[in-house]
N, C-alpha and C. Protein backbone atom coordinates (compact mmCIF):
# COMPACT_ATOMS: atom_id res chain seq x y z
N LEU A 1 -4.95 2.12 -10.28
CA LEU A 1 -3.68 2.29 -9.59
C LEU A 1 -2.53 1.62 -10.59
N ARG A 2 -3.05 0.69 -11.29
CA ARG A 2 -1.09 -0.54 -11.68
C ARG A 2 -1.16 0.68 -12.88
N GLU A 3 -2.41 1.37 -13.52
CA GLU A 3 -1.57 1.64 -14.76
C GLU A 3 -0.34 2.58 -14.58
N VAL A 4 -0.78 3.86 -13.33
CA VAL A 4 -0.15 5.22 -12.90
C VAL A 4 1.54 4.31 -12.60
N PHE A 5 1.52 3.09 -11.70
CA PHE A 5 3.04 2.60 -11.62
C PHE A 5 3.45 1.60 -12.89
N GLU A 6 2.65 1.15 -13.87
CA GLU A 6 3.17 0.70 -15.11
C GLU A 6 3.64 1.54 -15.73
N ALA A 7 3.81 2.87 -15.30
CA ALA A 7 4.85 3.99 -16.41
C ALA A 7 6.34 3.51 -15.67
N TYR A 8 6.38 3.15 -14.62
CA TYR A 8 7.75 3.09 -14.08
C TYR A 8 7.93 1.92 -14.17
N GLY A 9 7.52 1.03 -14.53
CA GLY A 9 7.99 -0.66 -15.38
C GLY A 9 7.47 -1.83 -14.70
N GLU A 10 7.27 -2.74 -14.92
CA GLU A 10 6.20 -4.23 -14.97
C GLU A 10 5.95 -4.07 -13.54
N VAL A 11 4.42 -4.23 -13.28
CA VAL A 11 3.62 -4.07 -12.20
C VAL A 11 3.64 -6.19 -12.07
N SER A 12 4.04 -6.10 -11.17
CA SER A 12 3.58 -7.85 -10.72
C SER A 12 1.58 -7.87 -9.90
N SER A 13 1.48 -7.03 -8.94
CA SER A 13 0.11 -6.93 -8.48
C SER A 13 0.60 -5.82 -8.24
N ALA A 14 -1.45 -5.21 -7.84
CA ALA A 14 -1.77 -4.17 -7.72
C ALA A 14 -3.17 -4.16 -7.10
N ASN A 15 -2.96 -4.05 -5.81
CA ASN A 15 -4.20 -3.99 -4.99
C ASN A 15 -4.75 -2.81 -4.27
N VAL A 16 -6.51 -2.63 -4.28
CA VAL A 16 -7.15 -1.36 -3.43
C VAL A 16 -7.95 -2.48 -2.39
N ILE A 17 -7.53 -2.10 -1.31
CA ILE A 17 -8.13 -2.67 -0.13
C ILE A 17 -9.33 -2.49 0.52
N ASN A 18 -10.49 -3.13 -0.28
CA ASN A 18 -12.16 -3.06 0.50
C ASN A 18 -12.57 -3.13 1.63
N ASP A 19 -13.48 -2.26 2.25
CA ASP A 19 -13.98 -3.05 3.79
C ASP A 19 -14.65 -4.34 3.05
N LYS A 20 -14.60 -5.70 4.13
CA LYS A 20 -15.33 -6.25 3.56
C LYS A 20 -16.77 -6.36 3.91
N PHE A 21 -16.81 -5.35 4.88
CA PHE A 21 -18.71 -5.25 5.25
C PHE A 21 -19.32 -4.05 4.00
N THR A 22 -18.72 -3.35 4.01
CA THR A 22 -19.45 -2.19 2.55
C THR A 22 -18.75 -2.21 1.19
N GLY A 23 -17.72 -3.12 1.21
CA GLY A 23 -17.23 -3.63 0.29
C GLY A 23 -16.45 -1.99 -0.65
N ARG A 24 -16.56 -0.92 0.26
CA ARG A 24 -15.82 0.52 -0.19
C ARG A 24 -14.06 0.49 0.01
N SER A 25 -13.56 1.17 -0.76
CA SER A 25 -12.12 1.51 -0.67
C SER A 25 -11.83 2.28 0.60
N ARG A 26 -11.10 0.99 1.85
CA ARG A 26 -10.25 1.68 2.60
C ARG A 26 -9.54 2.90 2.93
N GLY A 27 -8.74 3.09 1.14
CA GLY A 27 -7.95 4.34 1.11
C GLY A 27 -6.75 4.09 0.84
N PHE A 28 -6.20 2.86 0.70
CA PHE A 28 -4.96 2.36 0.89
C PHE A 28 -4.85 1.17 -0.21
N GLY A 29 -3.75 1.11 -0.63
CA GLY A 29 -3.73 -0.25 -1.53
C GLY A 29 -1.90 -0.56 -1.65
N PHE A 30 -1.40 -1.91 -2.32
CA PHE A 30 -0.49 -2.08 -2.41
C PHE A 30 0.33 -2.76 -4.00
N VAL A 31 0.91 -2.30 -3.99
CA VAL A 31 1.84 -2.29 -5.53
C VAL A 31 2.72 -3.54 -5.39
N GLU A 32 2.74 -4.39 -6.27
CA GLU A 32 4.19 -4.96 -6.16
C GLU A 32 4.63 -5.13 -8.02
N MET A 33 6.50 -4.71 -7.60
CA MET A 33 6.90 -4.34 -8.83
C MET A 33 7.87 -5.21 -8.47
N ASP A 34 8.54 -6.31 -9.49
CA ASP A 34 9.56 -6.97 -9.85
C ASP A 34 10.94 -6.53 -9.57
N ASN A 35 11.16 -5.32 -10.33
CA ASN A 35 12.37 -4.88 -10.49
C ASN A 35 12.61 -3.44 -9.21
N GLU A 36 13.36 -3.24 -8.29
CA GLU A 36 14.03 -2.47 -7.47
C GLU A 36 14.53 -1.21 -7.87
N GLU A 37 14.49 -0.96 -8.52
CA GLU A 37 15.04 -0.01 -9.37
C GLU A 37 14.08 0.89 -9.74
N GLU A 38 13.30 0.29 -10.69
CA GLU A 38 12.19 0.89 -10.63
C GLU A 38 10.92 1.14 -9.89
N ALA A 39 10.61 0.17 -9.03
CA ALA A 39 9.66 0.60 -7.41
C ALA A 39 10.03 1.87 -7.27
N GLN A 40 11.66 2.05 -6.56
CA GLN A 40 12.18 3.06 -5.74
C GLN A 40 11.93 4.43 -6.79
N GLU A 41 12.06 4.41 -8.18
CA GLU A 41 11.80 5.12 -9.19
C GLU A 41 10.36 5.59 -8.54
N ALA A 42 9.40 4.84 -8.63
CA ALA A 42 8.10 4.69 -8.69
C ALA A 42 7.75 6.13 -7.60
N ILE A 43 8.07 5.16 -6.38
CA ILE A 43 8.12 5.85 -4.88
C ILE A 43 8.75 7.17 -4.91
N ALA A 44 9.96 7.41 -5.47
CA ALA A 44 10.20 9.05 -5.39
C ALA A 44 9.57 9.73 -6.49
N ASP A 45 8.65 9.30 -7.47
CA ASP A 45 8.30 10.13 -8.26
C ASP A 45 6.79 10.50 -7.74
N LEU A 46 6.13 9.20 -7.66
CA LEU A 46 4.98 9.50 -6.90
C LEU A 46 4.36 9.87 -5.69
N ASP A 47 5.20 9.94 -4.76
CA ASP A 47 4.59 10.31 -3.25
C ASP A 47 4.35 11.53 -3.24
N GLY A 48 3.33 11.76 -2.97
CA GLY A 48 2.66 13.00 -2.70
C GLY A 48 2.19 13.88 -3.62
N THR A 49 1.62 13.04 -4.94
CA THR A 49 1.18 13.39 -6.08
C THR A 49 -0.70 13.03 -5.90
N THR A 50 -1.02 13.39 -6.71
CA THR A 50 -2.43 13.01 -6.66
C THR A 50 -3.35 12.13 -7.61
N LEU A 51 -4.09 11.33 -7.02
CA LEU A 51 -4.66 10.41 -7.78
C LEU A 51 -6.02 10.33 -7.81
N ASP A 52 -6.95 10.43 -8.68
CA ASP A 52 -8.65 10.26 -8.38
C ASP A 52 -8.76 11.26 -7.12
N GLY A 53 -8.07 12.31 -7.37
CA GLY A 53 -8.45 13.68 -6.17
C GLY A 53 -8.25 13.44 -4.97
N ARG A 54 -6.84 12.48 -4.68
CA ARG A 54 -6.79 12.55 -3.53
C ARG A 54 -5.04 12.56 -3.60
N THR A 55 -4.51 13.16 -2.71
CA THR A 55 -2.96 12.83 -2.38
C THR A 55 -2.70 11.32 -1.91
N ILE A 56 -1.93 10.75 -2.61
CA ILE A 56 -1.38 10.00 -2.07
C ILE A 56 -0.14 9.66 -1.67
N VAL A 57 0.27 8.67 -0.52
CA VAL A 57 1.20 8.69 -0.10
C VAL A 57 2.30 7.14 -0.30
N VAL A 58 3.25 6.92 -1.39
CA VAL A 58 3.71 6.26 -1.55
C VAL A 58 5.10 5.72 -0.80
N LYS A 59 5.43 4.59 0.01
CA LYS A 59 5.84 3.96 0.29
C LYS A 59 6.15 2.57 0.34
N LYS A 60 7.79 1.92 0.31
CA LYS A 60 7.97 0.90 0.55
C LYS A 60 6.84 0.08 1.77
N ALA A 61 6.03 -1.05 2.04
CA ALA A 61 5.81 -1.35 2.30
C ALA A 61 6.93 -2.37 3.43
N GLU A 62 6.55 -2.30 4.88
CA GLU A 62 7.04 -2.98 6.05
C GLU A 62 6.38 -4.03 6.56
N PRO A 63 6.90 -5.54 6.84
CA PRO A 63 5.94 -6.48 7.55
C PRO A 63 5.90 -5.81 8.85
N ARG A 64 4.28 -6.39 9.27
CA ARG A 64 4.12 -5.84 10.81
C ARG A 64 4.47 -5.95 11.64
N LYS A 65 4.54 -5.25 12.92
CA LYS A 65 5.52 -5.82 14.12
C LYS A 65 4.48 -6.71 14.78
N ALA A 66 5.01 -7.88 15.79
CA ALA A 66 3.98 -8.42 15.99
C ALA A 66 3.41 -7.76 17.60
N GLN A 67 2.31 -8.19 17.33
CA GLN A 67 1.23 -7.41 18.78
C GLN A 67 1.45 -8.23 19.93
N LYS A 68 1.36 -7.59 20.63
CA LYS A 68 0.89 -8.06 22.24
C LYS A 68 0.14 -8.73 22.30
N PRO A 69 0.01 -9.84 22.79
CA PRO A 69 -1.44 -10.62 23.05
C PRO A 69 -3.04 -9.52 24.01
N ARG A 70 -3.78 -9.44 23.17
CA ARG A 70 -4.67 -8.61 23.61
C ARG A 70 -5.74 -9.95 25.12
N ASN A 71 -5.64 -10.81 25.09
CA ASN A 71 -6.01 -11.05 26.44
C ASN A 71 -5.17 -11.34 27.56
N ASN A 72 -4.46 -10.26 27.99
CA ASN A 72 -4.35 -10.34 28.91
C ASN A 72 -4.78 -9.46 29.81
N PHE A 73 -5.40 -9.66 31.08
CA PHE A 73 -6.39 -9.22 31.63
C PHE A 73 -5.71 -8.86 33.26
N ASN A 74 -4.76 -9.14 33.24
CA ASN A 74 -3.70 -9.05 34.93
C ASN A 74 -4.54 -9.22 35.61
N ARG A 75 -4.80 -10.53 35.59
CA ARG A 75 -5.98 -11.59 36.90
C ARG A 75 -4.73 -12.08 37.39
N TRP A 76 -4.82 -12.47 38.65
CA TRP A 76 -3.69 -13.11 39.72
C TRP A 76 -4.25 -13.88 40.42
C-alpha cells in the first residue's frame, strides 16, 4: 500500500486494518500524506484501480459522526 502511494509523494503512514481475532485484513486501510496536492492526485489517479487483484476505492477519510447511545431501552 505504501509503495503505491509513494509514487505520488511522501507517505507519512500507511496502515492496513486487520481483524483483532483472526489477524486477517478487514479489506481497508489508511494512508497519510503531508502534502494535500499530492494526496489529491493520488486519490484521483488510484480510485477504481486494482491492487493485489482487488478494485480499490480511494477517498479522503472523514471523521466518524457521533453515534446515538445504544443503552436506551425506552423504559418508563
